[in-house]
Amino acid sequence: MCGDTVTNSSQTLRAPLQRDGFAFVAAASMRPLLEIHGELRDWNAFVASWNDLVVDAYLVDHGRFRRRRHAVFSVRGGAVQREPHQPHYQSRSYNNLYGGIERWFEPIRDDIADGATLRCILHFCTMLFGALAGGASDWRVEAHQFRIEASLDEPGQPTPEGVHRDGVDYVLVLLIARHNIASGTTTIHAHDGTLLGSFTLTQPFDAALVDDERVFHGVTPVQPLDGSAPAHRDVLVITFKRN
């Protein structure tokens, strides 16, 4: 892998993140940027693993529109390592619906966590976020597989807590698939609520990158295009928090 290529790819994304606190990266650009950092040879199996997610039992209204799996990694000196399975925790100041409790989700399957695609994505994030953070190389990393399902009776809510911050340093949201849904628009806001930008992830590999300390983000509910057929939005969310 050419060092100049990695540096140039990082600089391409650093500019909007440093200027605006967020960036939308279309699939046509995102996939080649990822492939600089590894291989996507198990992409089809990676995508198929979203069919094996588990209903989120913590939803306040006991809805069944969200399925997920979760894993924790560490980055030390630039090396990525999976950590023992542990809960996801946010304070109530960042998540007024689900904050203040340890939430245990089913783990991301070993074959997915150790597979080429997820490791490629994690190395991409390590390089980009490390450069944004002045060369930081020690991180707590959380990976979330989300499927948001929608029906005519129950729109799917990608962010039921509303416009929010995650309480980390940086966030990557990568679209895996959309099936039979409308909307799901990502909105970016300043701390005073001012809308800074909006975009919709529509193609696999479309991505949102967020500086979580600088901006808030949310996603509008998704609704089925055809109410008689299954409808869902699949995303991978990666968060990086400095140790």
Protein backbone atom coordinates (compact mmCIF):
# COMPACT_ATOMS: atom_id res chain seq x y z
CA MET A 1 0.00 0.00 0.00
CA CYS A 2 1.50 3.33 -1.03
CA GLY A 3 1.97 5.74 1.87
CA ASP A 4 1.27 8.75 -0.36
CA THR A 5 -2.05 7.23 -1.44
CA VAL A 6 -3.14 6.71 2.17
CA THR A 7 -2.11 10.26 3.09
CA ASN A 8 -3.93 11.78 0.12
CA SER A 9 -7.12 9.80 0.81
CA SER A 10 -7.08 10.94 4.42
CA GLN A 11 -6.56 14.57 3.41
CA THR A 12 -9.51 14.40 0.99
CA LEU A 13 -11.88 13.69 3.86
CA ARG A 14 -10.13 15.70 6.55
CA ALA A 15 -10.83 19.00 4.82
CA PRO A 16 -14.67 18.96 5.07
CA LEU A 17 -14.57 17.39 8.54
CA GLN A 18 -12.22 20.07 9.80
CA ARG A 19 -14.20 22.84 8.11
CA ASP A 20 -17.78 21.71 8.76
CA GLY A 21 -17.64 18.97 11.39
CA PHE A 22 -19.20 16.41 9.03
CA ALA A 23 -18.94 14.95 5.54
CA PHE A 24 -21.15 12.96 3.20
CA VAL A 25 -19.17 10.54 1.03
CA ALA A 26 -20.94 8.96 -1.95
CA ALA A 27 -20.46 5.26 -2.60
CA ALA A 28 -18.45 5.85 -5.78
CA SER A 29 -15.80 7.59 -3.67
CA MET A 30 -16.17 5.69 -0.41
CA ARG A 31 -15.53 2.18 -1.65
CA PRO A 32 -12.16 3.02 -3.27
CA LEU A 33 -11.15 4.93 -0.12
CA LEU A 34 -11.90 1.86 2.00
CA GLU A 35 -10.03 -0.46 -0.35
CA ILE A 36 -6.84 1.52 0.19
CA HIS A 37 -6.86 0.16 3.73
CA GLY A 38 -7.71 -3.49 3.13
CA GLU A 39 -9.87 -5.92 1.20
CA LEU A 40 -13.64 -6.32 0.97
CA ARG A 41 -13.49 -9.92 -0.19
CA ASP A 42 -16.20 -11.07 2.23
CA TRP A 43 -18.54 -8.15 1.48
CA ASN A 44 -21.44 -10.40 0.43
CA ALA A 45 -21.28 -12.41 3.65
CA PHE A 46 -20.90 -9.16 5.59
CA VAL A 47 -24.11 -7.79 4.05
CA ALA A 48 -25.96 -11.08 4.57
CA SER A 49 -25.14 -11.01 8.30
CA TRP A 50 -27.72 -8.22 8.73
CA ASN A 51 -30.33 -10.95 8.26
CA ASP A 52 -29.12 -12.43 11.55
CA LEU A 53 -29.61 -9.44 13.85
CA VAL A 54 -31.62 -9.59 17.08
CA VAL A 55 -34.55 -7.40 18.17
CA ASP A 56 -33.49 -4.50 20.42
CA ALA A 57 -35.25 -5.27 23.71
CA TYR A 58 -34.49 -1.85 25.23
CA LEU A 59 -36.83 0.23 23.08
CA VAL A 60 -38.92 2.37 25.43
CA ASP A 61 -42.20 1.83 23.58
CA HIS A 62 -41.51 -1.90 23.19
CA GLY A 63 -41.53 -1.51 19.44
CA ARG A 64 -39.86 -4.09 17.26
CA PHE A 65 -38.55 -1.83 14.53
CA ARG A 66 -34.85 -2.10 15.45
CA ARG A 67 -32.53 -5.09 15.31
CA ARG A 68 -28.84 -4.93 16.17
CA ARG A 69 -25.57 -6.54 17.21
CA HIS A 70 -22.63 -4.88 18.94
CA ALA A 71 -18.90 -5.31 19.50
CA VAL A 72 -16.10 -3.40 21.21
CA PHE A 73 -12.58 -3.04 19.85
CA SER A 74 -9.48 -1.22 21.02
CA VAL A 75 -6.83 0.52 18.98
CA ARG A 76 -3.39 0.76 20.54
CA GLY A 77 -0.51 2.12 18.57
CA GLY A 78 -2.62 1.78 15.45
CA ALA A 79 -3.30 -1.97 15.96
CA VAL A 80 -6.94 -3.08 16.13
CA GLN A 81 -7.96 -5.74 18.65
CA ARG A 82 -11.39 -7.08 19.62
CA GLU A 83 -12.20 -6.78 23.30
CA PRO A 84 -14.30 -9.17 25.42
CA HIS A 85 -18.03 -8.69 24.95
CA GLN A 86 -19.36 -5.86 27.11
CA PRO A 87 -22.37 -3.52 27.37
CA HIS A 88 -23.02 -0.35 25.44
CA TYR A 89 -23.37 2.62 27.80
CA GLN A 90 -24.30 6.26 27.26
CA SER A 91 -25.04 8.86 29.91
CA ARG A 92 -28.47 10.49 29.97
CA SER A 93 -26.88 13.75 28.87
CA TYR A 94 -26.23 12.13 25.47
CA ASN A 95 -29.22 9.77 25.27
CA ASN A 96 -32.33 10.86 27.14
CA LEU A 97 -34.23 7.67 26.22
CA TYR A 98 -31.69 4.93 26.84
CA GLY A 99 -28.91 6.64 28.78
CA GLY A 100 -27.81 5.79 32.28
CA ILE A 101 -28.04 2.00 31.93
CA GLU A 102 -25.78 -0.72 30.63
CA ARG A 103 -27.37 -2.19 27.52
CA TRP A 104 -26.28 -5.69 26.56
CA PHE A 105 -26.78 -6.61 22.91
CA GLU A 106 -25.99 -9.83 21.13
CA PRO A 107 -22.37 -9.77 19.92
CA ILE A 108 -21.35 -9.32 16.34
CA ARG A 109 -20.59 -12.80 15.03
CA ASP A 110 -16.93 -13.80 15.14
CA ASP A 111 -16.74 -14.44 11.40
CA ILE A 112 -17.96 -10.88 10.76
CA ALA A 113 -15.89 -9.19 13.47
CA ASP A 114 -12.72 -10.95 12.28
CA GLY A 115 -13.57 -10.75 8.58
CA ALA A 116 -11.76 -8.72 5.97
CA THR A 117 -14.52 -6.17 5.40
CA LEU A 118 -14.98 -5.02 8.98
CA ARG A 119 -11.23 -4.96 9.57
CA CYS A 120 -10.81 -2.86 6.42
CA ILE A 121 -13.40 -0.37 7.68
CA LEU A 122 -11.79 -0.20 11.12
CA HIS A 123 -8.34 0.45 9.62
CA PHE A 124 -9.82 3.20 7.45
CA CYS A 125 -11.32 4.84 10.54
CA THR A 126 -8.10 4.43 12.50
CA MET A 127 -6.11 6.28 9.85
CA LEU A 128 -8.66 9.03 9.23
CA PHE A 129 -9.68 9.75 12.80
CA GLY A 130 -6.10 9.47 14.00
CA ALA A 131 -5.05 12.13 11.49
CA LEU A 132 -7.94 14.38 12.55
CA ALA A 133 -6.94 13.95 16.20
CA GLY A 134 -3.33 14.98 15.66
CA GLY A 135 -1.92 11.48 15.40
CA ALA A 136 -3.88 9.89 18.27
CA SER A 137 -3.42 6.11 18.15
CA ASP A 138 -5.22 4.78 21.26
CA TRP A 139 -9.00 4.47 21.00
CA ARG A 140 -12.07 2.72 22.34
CA VAL A 141 -14.07 1.61 19.31
CA GLU A 142 -17.65 0.38 19.19
CA ALA A 143 -19.25 -1.26 16.16
CA HIS A 144 -23.03 -1.47 15.79
CA GLN A 145 -24.97 -3.39 13.17
CA PHE A 146 -28.45 -1.83 12.86
CA ARG A 147 -31.50 -2.89 10.90
CA ILE A 148 -34.42 -0.45 11.07
CA GLU A 149 -37.64 -2.06 9.91
CA ALA A 150 -40.74 -0.17 8.79
CA SER A 151 -44.40 -0.94 8.24
CA LEU A 152 -47.47 1.15 7.47
CA ASP A 153 -48.46 0.90 11.13
CA GLU A 154 -45.00 1.53 12.54
CA PRO A 155 -42.48 3.77 10.76
CA GLY A 156 -38.89 2.81 11.55
CA GLN A 157 -36.92 5.28 13.65
CA PRO A 158 -33.16 5.19 13.04
CA THR A 159 -32.64 7.71 15.87
CA PRO A 160 -35.63 7.44 18.25
CA GLU A 161 -33.77 9.67 20.72
CA GLY A 162 -33.95 12.49 18.16
CA VAL A 163 -31.15 14.80 17.12
CA HIS A 164 -28.25 13.93 19.40
CA ARG A 165 -24.57 13.43 20.01
CA ASP A 166 -23.12 10.01 20.86
CA GLY A 167 -20.61 11.16 23.47
CA VAL A 168 -17.59 10.05 21.45
CA ASP A 169 -15.02 11.78 19.25
CA TYR A 170 -15.90 10.56 15.74
CA VAL A 171 -18.65 8.56 14.06
CA LEU A 172 -18.87 6.68 10.77
CA VAL A 173 -22.27 5.63 9.44
CA LEU A 174 -21.98 3.32 6.43
CA LEU A 175 -25.06 2.28 4.46
CA ILE A 176 -25.21 -1.46 3.91
CA ALA A 177 -28.61 -1.76 2.20
CA ARG A 178 -32.01 -0.12 1.75
CA HIS A 179 -35.03 -2.20 0.79
CA ASN A 180 -38.47 -0.80 -0.01
CA ILE A 181 -38.14 2.35 2.10
CA ALA A 182 -38.52 6.09 1.70
CA SER A 183 -36.82 8.89 3.65
CA GLY A 184 -34.13 8.18 6.24
CA THR A 185 -32.55 11.59 5.73
CA THR A 186 -29.54 12.43 7.88
CA THR A 187 -29.57 15.94 9.35
CA ILE A 188 -26.61 17.73 10.90
CA HIS A 189 -27.07 20.49 13.46
CA ALA A 190 -25.01 23.03 15.35
CA HIS A 191 -25.14 23.04 19.16
CA ASP A 192 -27.85 25.72 19.03
CA GLY A 193 -30.00 23.55 16.76
CA THR A 194 -29.22 25.36 13.51
CA LEU A 195 -29.44 23.00 10.53
CA LEU A 196 -25.99 22.72 8.95
CA GLY A 197 -26.71 20.15 6.27
CA SER A 198 -28.77 17.15 5.22
CA PHE A 199 -28.35 14.17 2.90
CA THR A 200 -29.81 10.70 2.39
CA LEU A 201 -27.74 7.53 2.26
CA THR A 202 -29.25 5.63 -0.67
CA GLN A 203 -26.54 3.36 -2.11
CA PRO A 204 -24.43 0.69 -0.41
CA PHE A 205 -21.15 2.34 0.70
CA ASP A 206 -22.72 5.82 0.99
CA ALA A 207 -21.29 7.18 4.24
CA ALA A 208 -21.66 9.92 6.82
CA LEU A 209 -18.63 11.02 8.84
CA VAL A 210 -19.27 13.11 11.96
CA ASP A 211 -17.10 15.02 14.43
CA ASP A 212 -19.29 14.23 17.42
CA GLU A 213 -17.83 16.94 19.64
CA ARG A 214 -18.72 19.67 17.14
CA VAL A 215 -22.12 18.73 15.72
CA PHE A 216 -25.36 16.90 16.47
CA HIS A 217 -26.95 14.44 14.07
CA GLY A 218 -30.25 12.63 13.53
CA VAL A 219 -32.07 10.57 10.91
CA THR A 220 -35.70 10.98 9.88
CA PRO A 221 -38.09 7.98 10.19
CA VAL A 222 -38.30 5.52 7.31
CA GLN A 223 -41.56 4.33 5.77
CA PRO A 224 -42.26 1.49 3.34
CA LEU A 225 -42.79 2.27 -0.31
CA ASP A 226 -44.96 -0.83 -0.61
CA GLY A 227 -46.81 -1.59 2.60
CA SER A 228 -47.37 -5.21 1.63
CA ALA A 229 -43.64 -6.03 1.44
CA PRO A 230 -40.78 -6.08 3.98
CA ALA A 231 -38.99 -2.74 4.35
CA HIS A 232 -35.71 -2.00 6.11
CA ARG A 233 -32.60 0.19 6.32
CA ASP A 234 -29.30 -1.49 7.23
CA VAL A 235 -26.31 0.51 8.48
CA LEU A 236 -23.00 -0.07 10.20
CA VAL A 237 -22.14 2.54 12.84
CA ILE A 238 -18.56 2.83 14.09
CA THR A 239 -17.64 5.17 16.96
CA PHE A 240 -14.14 6.19 18.04
CA LYS A 241 -13.42 7.66 21.49
CA ARG A 242 -9.92 8.56 22.63
CA ASN A 243 -8.59 6.66 25.65
